[in-house]
Amino acid sequence: MKCEYTKSTVLDSEQNGKQPAFPPFFFLDYSIFQYRQQWIPKISIPLPRHILDATQDPYPVAGQYFLHIHPFFPFISKKRFFEGLPIFPSRPDVDVTILMFCMKLIVRPPKDDPLDKNGRPLPYLMVKRTLAEADIAGVFSFQTLQALILVSLYELAHAIFPAAYLSLGTCARYATALGIDIYTTMNPCDTAETLLVQEEMRRAWWAIVVLDRLGNSGLPKRPPLTPEPDPNGLLPTNDDLFDQGTVPLDQQYKLSSTAEPGMGTFAKLAQAAYLLGRVFRHICDRTTNRTLYQEEGMLLDASLLSLLNIVSKEDEHGSVAAVCSRYRAAATARKN
């Protein structure tokens, strides 16, 4: 199932005076959805004034996000995002506006946020309610998924539980519904723009997998929210090339590839998270032959040590966080 709805005609309340309904056959029977040539409509919902005011000038928001958050968690295409900014003030889509507010939320120091009477940040509560309203109204888009991932990252970073765990479950189901979990392969016949879109979708899926494995490190016996990645699936491409909007077919690494210095930041983080998941599965496995169990443990330890050696020597973009995020994932796995 491909995300064909991204090319569909835009329908909203401004055009026909009535809010369009989400086509139920997208979930009930996708073949009928295709046969009827239905599409996912662009749905508008009222947004809180605070969100509209905070995103009125998108360039400072985007600039701060891509400067401080993007280097260690690059799952949003800088090129595609900035290409869409010129038209944003004239037609601010709901999903892009929410995404931009989530960018602002995750960049702001928590001490700068006003709190409710229970000590919870009001901007965070506002975006959670807005995403729930968007869900009920039928807003369904890739940009909404990216906003959900940022909220999950925020919740994990601030230890907001059980919301963090439940939000990751929402991300996993949302991504599966969009069909982006299939973008672990690449079609060499696709255009450069299509390859970039696929790469961004692949990175969104890997972002969910990474957060899922790291969020589960406190209780390895808890089943992961995302399935075990295919060892033959593709890792994210080089981050610098991704930021330039280039996805070279000759510089793609599979998940099973040996870690190399030329791999991008996000690719190594994905590998570390994958190995962390394998360690969880290994330490919970009590049915395997003892000899095979020990051999698998030594193999995992060797793989993690190799990754740690490479990560510890890096200092990409001068960002300590870029190295530490991968180091922590691999070190946590090795300690288990």
C-alpha atoms as a PDB file:
ATOM      1  CA  MET A   1       0.000   0.000   0.000  1.00  0.00           C
ATOM      2  CA  LYS A   2       1.610   3.265  -1.105  1.00  0.00           C
ATOM      3  CA  CYS A   3       0.936   6.774   0.094  1.00  0.00           C
ATOM      4  CA  GLU A   4      -0.833   7.730  -3.131  1.00  0.00           C
ATOM      5  CA  TYR A   5      -3.119  10.146  -1.326  1.00  0.00           C
ATOM      6  CA  THR A   6      -0.300  12.669  -1.203  1.00  0.00           C
ATOM      7  CA  LYS A   7      -1.032  13.483  -4.848  1.00  0.00           C
ATOM      8  CA  SER A   8      -4.785  13.796  -4.394  1.00  0.00           C
ATOM      9  CA  THR A   9      -7.004  16.823  -4.883  1.00  0.00           C
ATOM     10  CA  VAL A  10      -7.218  19.111  -1.874  1.00  0.00           C
ATOM     11  CA  LEU A  11     -10.698  19.375  -0.388  1.00  0.00           C
ATOM     12  CA  ASP A  12     -11.481  21.473   2.619  1.00  0.00           C
ATOM     13  CA  SER A  13     -14.214  23.522   4.204  1.00  0.00           C
ATOM     14  CA  GLU A  14     -13.060  26.660   2.419  1.00  0.00           C
ATOM     15  CA  GLN A  15     -13.957  25.133  -0.969  1.00  0.00           C
ATOM     16  CA  ASN A  16     -17.310  23.479  -0.406  1.00  0.00           C
ATOM     17  CA  GLY A  17     -18.511  24.946   2.875  1.00  0.00           C
ATOM     18  CA  LYS A  18     -18.654  21.496   4.465  1.00  0.00           C
ATOM     19  CA  GLN A  19     -15.980  19.515   6.226  1.00  0.00           C
ATOM     20  CA  PRO A  20     -15.163  16.392   4.144  1.00  0.00           C
ATOM     21  CA  ALA A  21     -15.413  12.966   5.716  1.00  0.00           C
ATOM     22  CA  PHE A  22     -12.578  10.485   5.905  1.00  0.00           C
ATOM     23  CA  PRO A  23     -13.261   7.582   3.476  1.00  0.00           C
ATOM     24  CA  PRO A  24     -13.787   4.498   5.689  1.00  0.00           C
ATOM     25  CA  PHE A  25     -12.896   2.096   2.870  1.00  0.00           C
ATOM     26  CA  PHE A  26      -9.253   3.159   3.238  1.00  0.00           C
ATOM     27  CA  PHE A  27      -9.252   0.870   6.274  1.00  0.00           C
ATOM     28  CA  LEU A  28     -12.261  -1.395   5.699  1.00  0.00           C
ATOM     29  CA  ASP A  29     -11.422  -2.496   2.150  1.00  0.00           C
ATOM     30  CA  TYR A  30      -8.505  -0.806   0.403  1.00  0.00           C
ATOM     31  CA  SER A  31      -9.338  -2.440  -2.942  1.00  0.00           C
ATOM     32  CA  ILE A  32     -12.709  -0.662  -2.936  1.00  0.00           C
ATOM     33  CA  PHE A  33     -10.954   2.565  -1.920  1.00  0.00           C
ATOM     34  CA  GLN A  34      -8.770   2.222  -5.036  1.00  0.00           C
ATOM     35  CA  TYR A  35     -11.607   1.070  -7.303  1.00  0.00           C
ATOM     36  CA  ARG A  36     -13.687   4.108  -6.386  1.00  0.00           C
ATOM     37  CA  GLN A  37     -10.645   6.331  -6.916  1.00  0.00           C
ATOM     38  CA  GLN A  38     -11.156   7.879  -3.524  1.00  0.00           C
ATOM     39  CA  TRP A  39      -8.602  10.084  -1.824  1.00  0.00           C
ATOM     40  CA  ILE A  40      -7.657  11.278   1.623  1.00  0.00           C
ATOM     41  CA  PRO A  41      -9.037  14.821   1.927  1.00  0.00           C
ATOM     42  CA  LYS A  42      -7.281  17.780   3.458  1.00  0.00           C
ATOM     43  CA  ILE A  43      -9.312  18.503   6.563  1.00  0.00           C
ATOM     44  CA  SER A  44      -9.254  21.780   8.471  1.00  0.00           C
ATOM     45  CA  ILE A  45      -9.848  22.132  12.195  1.00  0.00           C
ATOM     46  CA  PRO A  46      -9.781  25.247  14.387  1.00  0.00           C
ATOM     47  CA  LEU A  47      -6.385  25.663  16.000  1.00  0.00           C
ATOM     48  CA  PRO A  48      -5.711  27.387  19.328  1.00  0.00           C
ATOM     49  CA  ARG A  49      -4.648  31.001  18.970  1.00  0.00           C
ATOM     50  CA  HIS A  50      -1.404  30.267  20.815  1.00  0.00           C
ATOM     51  CA  ILE A  51      -0.371  27.686  18.187  1.00  0.00           C
ATOM     52  CA  LEU A  52      -1.213  30.061  15.337  1.00  0.00           C
ATOM     53  CA  ASP A  53       0.711  32.919  16.942  1.00  0.00           C
ATOM     54  CA  ALA A  54       3.727  30.734  17.734  1.00  0.00           C
ATOM     55  CA  THR A  55       4.027  29.571  14.110  1.00  0.00           C
ATOM     56  CA  GLN A  56       3.219  32.862  12.385  1.00  0.00           C
ATOM     57  CA  ASP A  57       6.863  33.342  11.392  1.00  0.00           C
ATOM     58  CA  PRO A  58       8.032  29.824  10.461  1.00  0.00           C
ATOM     59  CA  TYR A  59      11.670  30.567   9.617  1.00  0.00           C
ATOM     60  CA  PRO A  60      12.996  31.169  13.171  1.00  0.00           C
ATOM     61  CA  VAL A  61      11.134  28.072  14.384  1.00  0.00           C
ATOM     62  CA  ALA A  62      12.558  25.893  11.617  1.00  0.00           C
ATOM     63  CA  GLY A  63      16.015  27.423  11.987  1.00  0.00           C
ATOM     64  CA  GLN A  64      16.217  26.620  15.707  1.00  0.00           C
ATOM     65  CA  TYR A  65      14.923  23.104  15.184  1.00  0.00           C
ATOM     66  CA  PHE A  66      17.356  22.203  12.409  1.00  0.00           C
ATOM     67  CA  LEU A  67      20.217  23.733  14.384  1.00  0.00           C
ATOM     68  CA  HIS A  68      19.614  22.042  17.747  1.00  0.00           C
ATOM     69  CA  ILE A  69      17.493  18.884  17.264  1.00  0.00           C
ATOM     70  CA  HIS A  70      18.032  17.774  13.689  1.00  0.00           C
ATOM     71  CA  PRO A  71      21.781  16.955  13.960  1.00  0.00           C
ATOM     72  CA  PHE A  72      21.230  14.056  16.371  1.00  0.00           C
ATOM     73  CA  PHE A  73      17.760  12.939  15.210  1.00  0.00           C
ATOM     74  CA  PRO A  74      17.515  13.792  11.482  1.00  0.00           C
ATOM     75  CA  PHE A  75      14.225  12.327  10.316  1.00  0.00           C
ATOM     76  CA  ILE A  76      12.684  15.431   8.687  1.00  0.00           C
ATOM     77  CA  SER A  77      13.953  16.508   5.261  1.00  0.00           C
ATOM     78  CA  LYS A  78      15.463  19.965   5.619  1.00  0.00           C
ATOM     79  CA  LYS A  79      15.304  20.524   1.858  1.00  0.00           C
ATOM     80  CA  ARG A  80      11.646  19.565   1.459  1.00  0.00           C
ATOM     81  CA  PHE A  81      10.634  21.439   4.598  1.00  0.00           C
ATOM     82  CA  PHE A  82      12.245  24.730   3.610  1.00  0.00           C
ATOM     83  CA  GLU A  83      10.947  24.400   0.043  1.00  0.00           C
ATOM     84  CA  GLY A  84       7.420  24.414   1.433  1.00  0.00           C
ATOM     85  CA  LEU A  85       7.865  27.422   3.747  1.00  0.00           C
ATOM     86  CA  PRO A  86       7.291  30.202   1.158  1.00  0.00           C
ATOM     87  CA  ILE A  87       3.666  29.115   0.641  1.00  0.00           C
ATOM     88  CA  PHE A  88       3.010  28.445   4.343  1.00  0.00           C
ATOM     89  CA  PRO A  89       1.896  31.989   5.338  1.00  0.00           C
ATOM     90  CA  SER A  90      -0.678  32.154   2.528  1.00  0.00           C
ATOM     91  CA  ARG A  91      -2.094  28.675   3.141  1.00  0.00           C
ATOM     92  CA  PRO A  92      -1.089  27.244   6.522  1.00  0.00           C
ATOM     93  CA  ASP A  93      -2.232  23.621   6.455  1.00  0.00           C
ATOM     94  CA  VAL A  94      -3.322  22.216   9.806  1.00  0.00           C
ATOM     95  CA  ASP A  95      -0.844  19.322   9.817  1.00  0.00           C
ATOM     96  CA  VAL A  96       2.151  21.503   8.908  1.00  0.00           C
ATOM     97  CA  THR A  97       1.157  24.082  11.522  1.00  0.00           C
ATOM     98  CA  ILE A  98       0.962  21.398  14.218  1.00  0.00           C
ATOM     99  CA  LEU A  99       4.321  19.985  13.093  1.00  0.00           C
ATOM    100  CA  MET A 100       5.890  23.421  13.303  1.00  0.00           C
ATOM    101  CA  PHE A 101       4.502  23.961  16.790  1.00  0.00           C
ATOM    102  CA  CYS A 102       5.970  20.598  17.850  1.00  0.00           C
ATOM    103  CA  MET A 103       9.327  21.779  16.508  1.00  0.00           C
ATOM    104  CA  LYS A 104       9.035  24.874  18.671  1.00  0.00           C
ATOM    105  CA  LEU A 105       7.935  22.796  21.671  1.00  0.00           C
ATOM    106  CA  ILE A 106      10.935  20.472  21.584  1.00  0.00           C
ATOM    107  CA  VAL A 107      13.437  23.315  21.144  1.00  0.00           C
ATOM    108  CA  ARG A 108      12.131  25.492  24.004  1.00  0.00           C
ATOM    109  CA  PRO A 109      13.806  25.015  27.424  1.00  0.00           C
ATOM    110  CA  PRO A 110      11.193  23.552  29.814  1.00  0.00           C
ATOM    111  CA  LYS A 111      11.795  26.400  32.292  1.00  0.00           C
ATOM    112  CA  ASP A 112      10.377  28.834  29.712  1.00  0.00           C
ATOM    113  CA  ASP A 113       7.021  27.035  29.471  1.00  0.00           C
ATOM    114  CA  PRO A 114       4.036  28.115  31.588  1.00  0.00           C
ATOM    115  CA  LEU A 115       2.652  25.311  33.770  1.00  0.00           C
ATOM    116  CA  ASP A 116      -0.829  24.241  34.750  1.00  0.00           C
ATOM    117  CA  LYS A 117      -1.781  23.750  38.396  1.00  0.00           C
ATOM    118  CA  ASN A 118      -0.343  20.226  38.333  1.00  0.00           C
ATOM    119  CA  GLY A 119       3.030  21.409  37.042  1.00  0.00           C
ATOM    120  CA  ARG A 120       2.550  20.212  33.462  1.00  0.00           C
ATOM    121  CA  PRO A 121       3.757  22.407  30.552  1.00  0.00           C
ATOM    122  CA  LEU A 122       0.771  24.140  28.958  1.00  0.00           C
ATOM    123  CA  PRO A 123       2.189  24.107  25.376  1.00  0.00           C
ATOM    124  CA  TYR A 124       2.655  20.330  25.635  1.00  0.00           C
ATOM    125  CA  LEU A 125      -0.904  19.823  26.885  1.00  0.00           C
ATOM    126  CA  MET A 126      -2.183  22.092  24.125  1.00  0.00           C
ATOM    127  CA  VAL A 127      -0.510  20.134  21.325  1.00  0.00           C
ATOM    128  CA  LYS A 128      -1.683  16.815  22.801  1.00  0.00           C
ATOM    129  CA  ARG A 129      -5.279  18.021  22.794  1.00  0.00           C
ATOM    130  CA  THR A 130      -4.916  19.455  19.290  1.00  0.00           C
ATOM    131  CA  LEU A 131      -3.535  16.173  17.932  1.00  0.00           C
ATOM    132  CA  ALA A 132      -6.444  14.310  19.545  1.00  0.00           C
ATOM    133  CA  GLU A 133      -8.919  16.703  17.915  1.00  0.00           C
ATOM    134  CA  ALA A 134      -7.166  16.311  14.565  1.00  0.00           C
ATOM    135  CA  ASP A 135      -7.404  12.538  14.902  1.00  0.00           C
ATOM    136  CA  ILE A 136     -11.131  12.676  15.633  1.00  0.00           C
ATOM    137  CA  ALA A 137     -11.730  15.077  12.736  1.00  0.00           C
ATOM    138  CA  GLY A 138      -9.971  12.764  10.277  1.00  0.00           C
ATOM    139  CA  VAL A 139      -6.709  14.627   9.716  1.00  0.00           C
ATOM    140  CA  PHE A 140      -4.428  11.924   8.327  1.00  0.00           C
ATOM    141  CA  SER A 141      -1.062  12.823   6.838  1.00  0.00           C
ATOM    142  CA  PHE A 142       2.662  12.187   6.926  1.00  0.00           C
ATOM    143  CA  GLN A 143       3.264  15.593   8.527  1.00  0.00           C
ATOM    144  CA  THR A 144       0.915  14.632  11.373  1.00  0.00           C
ATOM    145  CA  LEU A 145       2.974  11.485  11.915  1.00  0.00           C
ATOM    146  CA  GLN A 146       6.146  13.577  12.087  1.00  0.00           C
ATOM    147  CA  ALA A 147       4.467  15.767  14.714  1.00  0.00           C
ATOM    148  CA  LEU A 148       3.526  12.664  16.713  1.00  0.00           C
ATOM    149  CA  ILE A 149       7.133  11.445  16.594  1.00  0.00           C
ATOM    150  CA  LEU A 150       8.365  14.785  17.951  1.00  0.00           C
ATOM    151  CA  VAL A 151       5.825  14.598  20.765  1.00  0.00           C
ATOM    152  CA  SER A 152       7.028  11.072  21.598  1.00  0.00           C
ATOM    153  CA  LEU A 153      10.634  12.276  21.608  1.00  0.00           C
ATOM    154  CA  TYR A 154       9.642  15.141  23.928  1.00  0.00           C
ATOM    155  CA  GLU A 155       7.813  12.780  26.290  1.00  0.00           C
ATOM    156  CA  LEU A 156      10.709  10.336  26.453  1.00  0.00           C
ATOM    157  CA  ALA A 157      13.209  13.134  27.004  1.00  0.00           C
ATOM    158  CA  HIS A 158      11.127  14.517  29.894  1.00  0.00           C
ATOM    159  CA  ALA A 159      10.100  11.096  31.279  1.00  0.00           C
ATOM    160  CA  ILE A 160       6.388  11.755  30.814  1.00  0.00           C
ATOM    161  CA  PHE A 161       4.951   8.290  31.408  1.00  0.00           C
ATOM    162  CA  PRO A 162       2.792   6.418  30.568  1.00  0.00           C
ATOM    163  CA  ALA A 163       2.131   8.975  27.833  1.00  0.00           C
ATOM    164  CA  ALA A 164       5.519   8.365  26.176  1.00  0.00           C
ATOM    165  CA  TYR A 165       4.904   4.628  25.804  1.00  0.00           C
ATOM    166  CA  LEU A 166       1.329   5.074  24.585  1.00  0.00           C
ATOM    167  CA  SER A 167       2.328   7.808  22.128  1.00  0.00           C
ATOM    168  CA  LEU A 168       4.933   5.525  20.570  1.00  0.00           C
ATOM    169  CA  GLY A 169       2.228   2.922  20.060  1.00  0.00           C
ATOM    170  CA  THR A 170       0.172   5.549  18.251  1.00  0.00           C
ATOM    171  CA  CYS A 171       3.172   6.413  16.061  1.00  0.00           C
ATOM    172  CA  ALA A 172       3.696   2.766  15.126  1.00  0.00           C
ATOM    173  CA  ARG A 173       0.047   2.231  14.164  1.00  0.00           C
ATOM    174  CA  TYR A 174      -0.133   5.560  12.334  1.00  0.00           C
ATOM    175  CA  ALA A 175       2.985   4.771  10.306  1.00  0.00           C
ATOM    176  CA  THR A 176       1.640   1.335   9.414  1.00  0.00           C
ATOM    177  CA  ALA A 177      -1.667   2.885   8.352  1.00  0.00           C
ATOM    178  CA  LEU A 178       0.202   5.326   6.105  1.00  0.00           C
ATOM    179  CA  GLY A 179       2.174   2.432   4.645  1.00  0.00           C
ATOM    180  CA  ILE A 180       5.601   3.912   5.292  1.00  0.00           C
ATOM    181  CA  ASP A 181       6.870   0.726   6.924  1.00  0.00           C
ATOM    182  CA  ILE A 182       7.319  -0.694   3.405  1.00  0.00           C
ATOM    183  CA  TYR A 183       9.985   1.879   2.473  1.00  0.00           C
ATOM    184  CA  THR A 184      12.929  -0.213   3.612  1.00  0.00           C
ATOM    185  CA  THR A 185      13.733  -0.942  -0.034  1.00  0.00           C
ATOM    186  CA  MET A 186      14.445   1.391  -2.914  1.00  0.00           C
ATOM    187  CA  ASN A 187      13.328   1.404  -6.529  1.00  0.00           C
ATOM    188  CA  PRO A 188      16.252   2.491  -8.736  1.00  0.00           C
ATOM    189  CA  CYS A 189      13.785   3.636 -11.413  1.00  0.00           C
ATOM    190  CA  ASP A 190      12.303   6.330  -9.175  1.00  0.00           C
ATOM    191  CA  THR A 191      13.059  10.017  -9.693  1.00  0.00           C
ATOM    192  CA  ALA A 192      15.348  11.972  -7.378  1.00  0.00           C
ATOM    193  CA  GLU A 193      12.346  13.677  -5.760  1.00  0.00           C
ATOM    194  CA  THR A 194      10.594  10.343  -5.186  1.00  0.00           C
ATOM    195  CA  LEU A 195      13.766   8.852  -3.713  1.00  0.00           C
ATOM    196  CA  LEU A 196      13.981  11.780  -1.286  1.00  0.00           C
ATOM    197  CA  VAL A 197      10.344  11.295  -0.245  1.00  0.00           C
ATOM    198  CA  GLN A 198      10.983   7.581   0.290  1.00  0.00           C
ATOM    199  CA  GLU A 199      14.106   8.351   2.320  1.00  0.00           C
ATOM    200  CA  GLU A 200      12.174  10.739   4.559  1.00  0.00           C
ATOM    201  CA  MET A 201       9.484   8.121   5.113  1.00  0.00           C
ATOM    202  CA  ARG A 202      12.118   5.480   5.833  1.00  0.00           C
ATOM    203  CA  ARG A 203      13.662   7.799   8.409  1.00  0.00           C
ATOM    204  CA  ALA A 204      10.304   8.358  10.081  1.00  0.00           C
ATOM    205  CA  TRP A 205       9.900   4.599  10.473  1.00  0.00           C
ATOM    206  CA  TRP A 206      13.427   4.241  11.839  1.00  0.00           C
ATOM    207  CA  ALA A 207      12.770   7.122  14.247  1.00  0.00           C
ATOM    208  CA  ILE A 208       9.856   5.156  15.706  1.00  0.00           C
ATOM    209  CA  VAL A 209      11.936   1.966  15.928  1.00  0.00           C
ATOM    210  CA  VAL A 210      14.773   3.814  17.705  1.00  0.00           C
ATOM    211  CA  LEU A 211      12.463   5.461  20.249  1.00  0.00           C
ATOM    212  CA  ASP A 212      10.621   2.182  20.775  1.00  0.00           C
ATOM    213  CA  ARG A 213      13.799   0.221  21.567  1.00  0.00           C
ATOM    214  CA  LEU A 214      15.276   2.942  23.795  1.00  0.00           C
ATOM    215  CA  GLY A 215      11.972   3.457  25.592  1.00  0.00           C
ATOM    216  CA  ASN A 216      11.786  -0.263  26.311  1.00  0.00           C
ATOM    217  CA  SER A 217      15.243  -0.531  27.881  1.00  0.00           C
ATOM    218  CA  GLY A 218      13.840  -0.484  31.423  1.00  0.00           C
ATOM    219  CA  LEU A 219      11.784  -3.647  30.882  1.00  0.00           C
ATOM    220  CA  PRO A 220      13.232  -5.828  28.083  1.00  0.00           C
ATOM    221  CA  LYS A 221      10.510  -8.457  28.514  1.00  0.00           C
ATOM    222  CA  ARG A 222       7.881  -6.003  27.292  1.00  0.00           C
ATOM    223  CA  PRO A 223       7.121  -6.763  23.606  1.00  0.00           C
ATOM    224  CA  PRO A 224       8.300  -4.058  21.179  1.00  0.00           C
ATOM    225  CA  LEU A 225       5.689  -1.848  19.548  1.00  0.00           C
ATOM    226  CA  THR A 226       7.307  -2.250  16.119  1.00  0.00           C
ATOM    227  CA  PRO A 227       8.235  -5.533  14.417  1.00  0.00           C
ATOM    228  CA  GLU A 228      11.797  -6.780  14.169  1.00  0.00           C
ATOM    229  CA  PRO A 229      13.480  -4.915  11.275  1.00  0.00           C
ATOM    230  CA  ASP A 230      14.507  -6.928   8.233  1.00  0.00           C
ATOM    231  CA  PRO A 231      18.324  -7.386   8.203  1.00  0.00           C
ATOM    232  CA  ASN A 232      18.192  -6.824   4.429  1.00  0.00           C
ATOM    233  CA  GLY A 233      16.276  -3.578   4.826  1.00  0.00           C
ATOM    234  CA  LEU A 234      17.929  -0.256   4.058  1.00  0.00           C
ATOM    235  CA  LEU A 235      19.419   2.033   6.658  1.00  0.00           C
ATOM    236  CA  PRO A 236      19.061   5.820   6.388  1.00  0.00           C
ATOM    237  CA  THR A 237      21.444   7.302   3.862  1.00  0.00           C
ATOM    238  CA  ASN A 238      24.274   9.729   4.644  1.00  0.00           C
ATOM    239  CA  ASP A 239      22.839  12.634   6.658  1.00  0.00           C
ATOM    240  CA  ASP A 240      24.724  15.414   4.866  1.00  0.00           C
ATOM    241  CA  LEU A 241      23.522  14.169   1.483  1.00  0.00           C
ATOM    242  CA  PHE A 242      19.988  13.824   2.870  1.00  0.00           C
ATOM    243  CA  ASP A 243      20.055  17.467   3.960  1.00  0.00           C
ATOM    244  CA  GLN A 244      21.130  18.430   0.445  1.00  0.00           C
ATOM    245  CA  GLY A 245      18.207  16.480  -1.012  1.00  0.00           C
ATOM    246  CA  THR A 246      20.412  13.782  -2.559  1.00  0.00           C
ATOM    247  CA  VAL A 247      19.828  10.047  -2.130  1.00  0.00           C
ATOM    248  CA  PRO A 248      22.645   8.245  -4.007  1.00  0.00           C
ATOM    249  CA  LEU A 249      21.819   4.693  -4.970  1.00  0.00           C
ATOM    250  CA  ASP A 250      25.470   3.630  -4.712  1.00  0.00           C
ATOM    251  CA  GLN A 251      25.821   4.711  -1.063  1.00  0.00           C
ATOM    252  CA  GLN A 252      23.070   2.681   0.526  1.00  0.00           C
ATOM    253  CA  TYR A 253      23.778   0.364   3.465  1.00  0.00           C
ATOM    254  CA  LYS A 254      21.695  -2.562   4.602  1.00  0.00           C
ATOM    255  CA  LEU A 255      20.876  -3.099   8.255  1.00  0.00           C
ATOM    256  CA  SER A 256      23.162  -6.148   8.284  1.00  0.00           C
ATOM    257  CA  SER A 257      26.124  -4.123   6.944  1.00  0.00           C
ATOM    258  CA  THR A 258      29.216  -3.774   9.101  1.00  0.00           C
ATOM    259  CA  ALA A 259      29.377  -0.369  10.775  1.00  0.00           C
ATOM    260  CA  GLU A 260      31.681   1.983   8.882  1.00  0.00           C
ATOM    261  CA  PRO A 261      32.855   5.556   9.486  1.00  0.00           C
ATOM    262  CA  GLY A 262      31.206   6.629   6.225  1.00  0.00           C
ATOM    263  CA  MET A 263      27.751   5.744   7.494  1.00  0.00           C
ATOM    264  CA  GLY A 264      25.557   8.617   8.578  1.00  0.00           C
ATOM    265  CA  THR A 265      24.670   9.536  12.131  1.00  0.00           C
ATOM    266  CA  PHE A 266      21.153   8.228  11.892  1.00  0.00           C
ATOM    267  CA  ALA A 267      22.201   4.961  10.226  1.00  0.00           C
ATOM    268  CA  LYS A 268      24.440   4.069  13.173  1.00  0.00           C
ATOM    269  CA  LEU A 269      21.732   5.037  15.639  1.00  0.00           C
ATOM    270  CA  ALA A 270      19.345   2.729  13.775  1.00  0.00           C
ATOM    271  CA  GLN A 271      21.913  -0.088  13.887  1.00  0.00           C
ATOM    272  CA  ALA A 272      22.428   0.432  17.614  1.00  0.00           C
ATOM    273  CA  ALA A 273      18.682   0.345  18.261  1.00  0.00           C
ATOM    274  CA  TYR A 274      18.346  -2.812  16.161  1.00  0.00           C
ATOM    275  CA  LEU A 275      21.122  -4.521  18.145  1.00  0.00           C
ATOM    276  CA  LEU A 276      19.510  -3.334  21.379  1.00  0.00           C
ATOM    277  CA  GLY A 277      16.283  -5.036  20.308  1.00  0.00           C
ATOM    278  CA  ARG A 278      18.182  -8.240  19.513  1.00  0.00           C
ATOM    279  CA  VAL A 279      19.790  -8.129  22.960  1.00  0.00           C
ATOM    280  CA  PHE A 280      16.364  -7.791  24.584  1.00  0.00           C
ATOM    281  CA  ARG A 281      15.125 -10.790  22.639  1.00  0.00           C
ATOM    282  CA  HIS A 282      18.275 -12.738  23.524  1.00  0.00           C
ATOM    283  CA  ILE A 283      18.154 -12.178  27.289  1.00  0.00           C
ATOM    284  CA  CYS A 284      14.447 -13.105  27.354  1.00  0.00           C
ATOM    285  CA  ASP A 285      15.000 -16.314  25.373  1.00  0.00           C
ATOM    286  CA  ARG A 286      15.138 -19.324  27.674  1.00  0.00           C
ATOM    287  CA  THR A 287      14.225 -22.020  25.140  1.00  0.00           C
ATOM    288  CA  THR A 288      17.301 -21.932  22.891  1.00  0.00           C
ATOM    289  CA  ASN A 289      20.029 -24.542  23.131  1.00  0.00           C
ATOM    290  CA  ARG A 290      22.560 -23.320  25.717  1.00  0.00           C
ATOM    291  CA  THR A 291      25.489 -23.564  23.313  1.00  0.00           C
ATOM    292  CA  LEU A 292      23.652 -21.627  20.608  1.00  0.00           C
ATOM    293  CA  TYR A 293      22.518 -19.145  23.234  1.00  0.00           C
ATOM    294  CA  GLN A 294      26.106 -18.425  24.290  1.00  0.00           C
ATOM    295  CA  GLU A 295      27.294 -18.202  20.683  1.00  0.00           C
ATOM    296  CA  GLU A 296      24.582 -15.680  19.856  1.00  0.00           C
ATOM    297  CA  GLY A 297      25.518 -13.672  22.935  1.00  0.00           C
ATOM    298  CA  MET A 298      29.170 -13.508  21.895  1.00  0.00           C
ATOM    299  CA  LEU A 299      28.178 -12.535  18.352  1.00  0.00           C
ATOM    300  CA  LEU A 300      25.971  -9.706  19.633  1.00  0.00           C
ATOM    301  CA  ASP A 301      28.720  -8.526  21.970  1.00  0.00           C
ATOM    302  CA  ALA A 302      31.227  -8.444  19.106  1.00  0.00           C
ATOM    303  CA  SER A 303      28.807  -6.491  16.905  1.00  0.00           C
ATOM    304  CA  LEU A 304      28.117  -3.968  19.650  1.00  0.00           C
ATOM    305  CA  LEU A 305      31.794  -3.571  20.474  1.00  0.00           C
ATOM    306  CA  SER A 306      32.570  -2.901  16.812  1.00  0.00           C
ATOM    307  CA  LEU A 307      29.859  -0.242  16.669  1.00  0.00           C
ATOM    308  CA  LEU A 308      31.004   1.326  19.928  1.00  0.00           C
ATOM    309  CA  ASN A 309      34.591   1.588  18.707  1.00  0.00           C
ATOM    310  CA  ILE A 310      33.506   3.489  15.610  1.00  0.00           C
ATOM    311  CA  VAL A 311      31.025   5.742  17.402  1.00  0.00           C
ATOM    312  CA  SER A 312      33.468   6.654  20.174  1.00  0.00           C
ATOM    313  CA  LYS A 313      35.964   8.006  17.611  1.00  0.00           C
ATOM    314  CA  GLU A 314      33.435  10.247  15.870  1.00  0.00           C
ATOM    315  CA  ASP A 315      32.540  13.859  16.386  1.00  0.00           C
ATOM    316  CA  GLU A 316      30.255  14.623  13.457  1.00  0.00           C
ATOM    317  CA  HIS A 317      29.140  18.256  13.141  1.00  0.00           C
ATOM    318  CA  GLY A 318      30.939  18.942  16.432  1.00  0.00           C
ATOM    319  CA  SER A 319      27.831  17.573  18.133  1.00  0.00           C
ATOM    320  CA  VAL A 320      28.392  15.566  21.300  1.00  0.00           C
ATOM    321  CA  ALA A 321      24.716  14.601  21.284  1.00  0.00           C
ATOM    322  CA  ALA A 322      25.066  13.016  17.851  1.00  0.00           C
ATOM    323  CA  VAL A 323      27.685  10.645  19.215  1.00  0.00           C
ATOM    324  CA  CYS A 324      26.185  10.098  22.659  1.00  0.00           C
ATOM    325  CA  SER A 325      22.769   9.061  21.365  1.00  0.00           C
ATOM    326  CA  ARG A 326      24.274   6.189  19.394  1.00  0.00           C
ATOM    327  CA  TYR A 327      26.797   5.364  22.091  1.00  0.00           C
ATOM    328  CA  ARG A 328      24.069   5.127  24.715  1.00  0.00           C
ATOM    329  CA  ALA A 329      21.956   2.782  22.582  1.00  0.00           C
ATOM    330  CA  ALA A 330      24.865   0.454  21.903  1.00  0.00           C
ATOM    331  CA  ALA A 331      26.250   0.643  25.453  1.00  0.00           C
ATOM    332  CA  THR A 332      22.846  -0.092  26.970  1.00  0.00           C
ATOM    333  CA  ALA A 333      22.525  -3.155  24.775  1.00  0.00           C
ATOM    334  CA  ARG A 334      26.018  -4.378  25.612  1.00  0.00           C
ATOM    335  CA  LYS A 335      25.449  -3.920  29.344  1.00  0.00           C
ATOM    336  CA  ASN A 336      22.376  -6.125  29.166  1.00  0.00           C
END
